[in-house]
Amino acid sequence: MEDKEEALAQVKHKVAGSCHSYTFMLSLRVSKRVWSVGDG
């Protein structure tokens, strides 16, 4: 039972990590666009 819980936790961690990195890159791209607009 514990093994299953551990595996589930690892999968959740992986999914959360990929989602976080994706949203991070997205927000970075958006902020870059905002900064360039502000400079222009």
PDB file of N, CA and C in Angstrom:
ATOM      1  N   MET A   1       0.850  -1.205   0.000  1.00  0.00           N
ATOM      2  CA  MET A   1       0.000   0.000   0.000  1.00  0.00           C
ATOM      3  C   MET A   1       0.881   1.248   0.000  1.00  0.00           C
ATOM      4  N   GLU A   2       1.907   1.230   0.827  1.00  0.00           N
ATOM      5  CA  GLU A   2       2.767   2.410   0.906  1.00  0.00           C
ATOM      6  C   GLU A   2       3.480   2.667  -0.421  1.00  0.00           C
ATOM      7  N   ASP A   3       3.859   1.554  -1.104  1.00  0.00           N
ATOM      8  CA  ASP A   3       4.541   1.712  -2.391  1.00  0.00           C
ATOM      9  C   ASP A   3       3.643   2.452  -3.377  1.00  0.00           C
ATOM     10  N   LYS A   4       2.371   2.105  -3.349  1.00  0.00           N
ATOM     11  CA  LYS A   4       1.433   2.750  -4.280  1.00  0.00           C
ATOM     12  C   LYS A   4       1.332   4.245  -3.964  1.00  0.00           C
ATOM     13  N   GLU A   5       1.256   4.563  -2.688  1.00  0.00           N
ATOM     14  CA  GLU A   5       1.157   5.972  -2.290  1.00  0.00           C
ATOM     15  C   GLU A   5       2.413   6.727  -2.706  1.00  0.00           C
ATOM     16  N   GLU A   6       3.570   6.090  -2.533  1.00  0.00           N
ATOM     17  CA  GLU A   6       4.842   6.716  -2.892  1.00  0.00           C
ATOM     18  C   GLU A   6       4.890   6.982  -4.385  1.00  0.00           C
ATOM     19  N   ALA A   7       4.470   5.991  -5.178  1.00  0.00           N
ATOM     20  CA  ALA A   7       4.468   6.151  -6.642  1.00  0.00           C
ATOM     21  C   ALA A   7       3.531   7.285  -7.041  1.00  0.00           C
ATOM     22  N   LEU A   8       2.380   7.339  -6.409  1.00  0.00           N
ATOM     23  CA  LEU A   8       1.404   8.384  -6.716  1.00  0.00           C
ATOM     24  C   LEU A   8       1.988   9.761  -6.394  1.00  0.00           C
ATOM     25  N   ALA A   9       2.681   9.852  -5.260  1.00  0.00           N
ATOM     26  CA  ALA A   9       3.278  11.121  -4.865  1.00  0.00           C
ATOM     27  C   ALA A   9       4.334  11.544  -5.892  1.00  0.00           C
ATOM     28  N   GLN A  10       5.120  10.581  -6.378  1.00  0.00           N
ATOM     29  CA  GLN A  10       6.159  10.901  -7.363  1.00  0.00           C
ATOM     30  C   GLN A  10       5.530  11.397  -8.655  1.00  0.00           C
ATOM     31  N   VAL A  11       4.456  10.730  -9.087  1.00  0.00           N
ATOM     32  CA  VAL A  11       3.781  11.140 -10.322  1.00  0.00           C
ATOM     33  C   VAL A  11       3.212  12.547 -10.163  1.00  0.00           C
ATOM     34  N   LYS A  12       2.582  12.789  -9.025  1.00  0.00           N
ATOM     35  CA  LYS A  12       2.020  14.121  -8.768  1.00  0.00           C
ATOM     36  C   LYS A  12       3.125  15.166  -8.816  1.00  0.00           C
ATOM     37  N   HIS A  13       4.276  14.848  -8.204  1.00  0.00           N
ATOM     38  CA  HIS A  13       5.401  15.775  -8.163  1.00  0.00           C
ATOM     39  C   HIS A  13       5.894  16.080  -9.577  1.00  0.00           C
ATOM     40  N   LYS A  14       6.000  15.048 -10.402  1.00  0.00           N
ATOM     41  CA  LYS A  14       6.470  15.227 -11.785  1.00  0.00           C
ATOM     42  C   LYS A  14       5.505  16.108 -12.566  1.00  0.00           C
ATOM     43  N   VAL A  15       4.222  15.808 -12.430  1.00  0.00           N
ATOM     44  CA  VAL A  15       3.207  16.583 -13.158  1.00  0.00           C
ATOM     45  C   VAL A  15       3.225  18.037 -12.696  1.00  0.00           C
ATOM     46  N   ALA A  16       3.283  18.229 -11.377  1.00  0.00           N
ATOM     47  CA  ALA A  16       3.292  19.586 -10.837  1.00  0.00           C
ATOM     48  C   ALA A  16       4.538  20.330 -11.320  1.00  0.00           C
ATOM     49  N   GLY A  17       5.663  19.638 -11.367  1.00  0.00           N
ATOM     50  CA  GLY A  17       6.910  20.270 -11.805  1.00  0.00           C
ATOM     51  C   GLY A  17       6.830  20.719 -13.249  1.00  0.00           C
ATOM     52  N   SER A  18       6.320  19.850 -14.126  1.00  0.00           N
ATOM     53  CA  SER A  18       6.226  20.203 -15.538  1.00  0.00           C
ATOM     54  C   SER A  18       5.230  21.342 -15.726  1.00  0.00           C
ATOM     55  N   CYS A  19       4.115  21.301 -15.001  1.00  0.00           N
ATOM     56  CA  CYS A  19       3.117  22.367 -15.111  1.00  0.00           C
ATOM     57  C   CYS A  19       3.715  23.685 -14.643  1.00  0.00           C
ATOM     58  N   HIS A  20       4.463  23.639 -13.537  1.00  0.00           N
ATOM     59  CA  HIS A  20       5.057  24.848 -12.979  1.00  0.00           C
ATOM     60  C   HIS A  20       6.058  25.448 -13.951  1.00  0.00           C
ATOM     61  N   SER A  21       6.926  24.603 -14.525  1.00  0.00           N
ATOM     62  CA  SER A  21       7.945  25.102 -15.445  1.00  0.00           C
ATOM     63  C   SER A  21       7.279  25.697 -16.687  1.00  0.00           C
ATOM     64  N   TYR A  22       6.179  25.075 -17.120  1.00  0.00           N
ATOM     65  CA  TYR A  22       5.476  25.575 -18.306  1.00  0.00           C
ATOM     66  C   TYR A  22       4.877  26.952 -18.025  1.00  0.00           C
ATOM     67  N   THR A  23       4.175  27.089 -16.904  1.00  0.00           N
ATOM     68  CA  THR A  23       3.560  28.371 -16.567  1.00  0.00           C
ATOM     69  C   THR A  23       4.644  29.416 -16.300  1.00  0.00           C
ATOM     70  N   PHE A  24       5.791  28.961 -15.752  1.00  0.00           N
ATOM     71  CA  PHE A  24       6.890  29.881 -15.470  1.00  0.00           C
ATOM     72  C   PHE A  24       7.427  30.469 -16.772  1.00  0.00           C
ATOM     73  N   MET A  25       7.672  29.587 -17.763  1.00  0.00           N
ATOM     74  CA  MET A  25       8.176  30.055 -19.055  1.00  0.00           C
ATOM     75  C   MET A  25       7.143  30.972 -19.716  1.00  0.00           C
ATOM     76  N   LEU A  26       5.867  30.613 -19.577  1.00  0.00           N
ATOM     77  CA  LEU A  26       4.807  31.403 -20.184  1.00  0.00           C
ATOM     78  C   LEU A  26       4.764  32.807 -19.570  1.00  0.00           C
ATOM     79  N   SER A  27       4.796  32.878 -18.245  1.00  0.00           N
ATOM     80  CA  SER A  27       4.749  34.180 -17.568  1.00  0.00           C
ATOM     81  C   SER A  27       5.999  34.992 -17.890  1.00  0.00           C
ATOM     82  N   LEU A  28       7.145  34.290 -18.038  1.00  0.00           N
ATOM     83  CA  LEU A  28       8.382  34.978 -18.381  1.00  0.00           C
ATOM     84  C   LEU A  28       8.244  35.625 -19.750  1.00  0.00           C
ATOM     85  N   ARG A  29       7.681  34.867 -20.697  1.00  0.00           N
ATOM     86  CA  ARG A  29       7.500  35.370 -22.056  1.00  0.00           C
ATOM     87  C   ARG A  29       6.563  36.575 -22.043  1.00  0.00           C
ATOM     88  N   VAL A  30       5.478  36.469 -21.262  1.00  0.00           N
ATOM     89  CA  VAL A  30       4.500  37.559 -21.195  1.00  0.00           C
ATOM     90  C   VAL A  30       5.129  38.802 -20.587  1.00  0.00           C
ATOM     91  N   SER A  31       5.883  38.630 -19.503  1.00  0.00           N
ATOM     92  CA  SER A  31       6.499  39.782 -18.842  1.00  0.00           C
ATOM     93  C   SER A  31       7.518  40.441 -19.770  1.00  0.00           C
ATOM     94  N   LYS A  32       8.228  39.625 -20.559  1.00  0.00           N
ATOM     95  CA  LYS A  32       9.180  40.190 -21.520  1.00  0.00           C
ATOM     96  C   LYS A  32       8.448  41.085 -22.516  1.00  0.00           C
ATOM     97  N   ARG A  33       7.295  40.597 -22.974  1.00  0.00           N
ATOM     98  CA  ARG A  33       6.498  41.360 -23.937  1.00  0.00           C
ATOM     99  C   ARG A  33       6.032  42.667 -23.295  1.00  0.00           C
ATOM    100  N   VAL A  34       5.603  42.575 -22.046  1.00  0.00           N
ATOM    101  CA  VAL A  34       5.130  43.771 -21.342  1.00  0.00           C
ATOM    102  C   VAL A  34       6.266  44.775 -21.190  1.00  0.00           C
ATOM    103  N   TRP A  35       7.462  44.271 -20.838  1.00  0.00           N
ATOM    104  CA  TRP A  35       8.608  45.162 -20.658  1.00  0.00           C
ATOM    105  C   TRP A  35       8.962  45.859 -21.968  1.00  0.00           C
ATOM    106  N   SER A  36       8.978  45.099 -23.086  1.00  0.00           N
ATOM    107  CA  SER A  36       9.336  45.684 -24.380  1.00  0.00           C
ATOM    108  C   SER A  36       8.305  46.750 -24.767  1.00  0.00           C
ATOM    109  N   VAL A  37       7.036  46.492 -24.470  1.00  0.00           N
ATOM    110  CA  VAL A  37       5.987  47.468 -24.784  1.00  0.00           C
ATOM    111  C   VAL A  37       6.207  48.731 -23.951  1.00  0.00           C
ATOM    112  N   GLY A  38       6.563  48.534 -22.673  1.00  0.00           N
ATOM    113  CA  GLY A  38       6.789  49.678 -21.797  1.00  0.00           C
ATOM    114  C   GLY A  38       7.971  50.514 -22.277  1.00  0.00           C
ATOM    115  N   ASP A  39       9.033  49.846 -22.747  1.00  0.00           N
ATOM    116  CA  ASP A  39      10.210  50.561 -23.230  1.00  0.00           C
ATOM    117  C   ASP A  39       9.886  51.309 -24.524  1.00  0.00           C
ATOM    118  N   GLY A  40       9.074  50.677 -25.374  1.00  0.00           N
ATOM    119  CA  GLY A  40       8.742  51.283 -26.661  1.00  0.00           C
ATOM    120  C   GLY A  40       7.859  52.497 -26.454  1.00  0.00           C
TER     121      GLY A  40
END
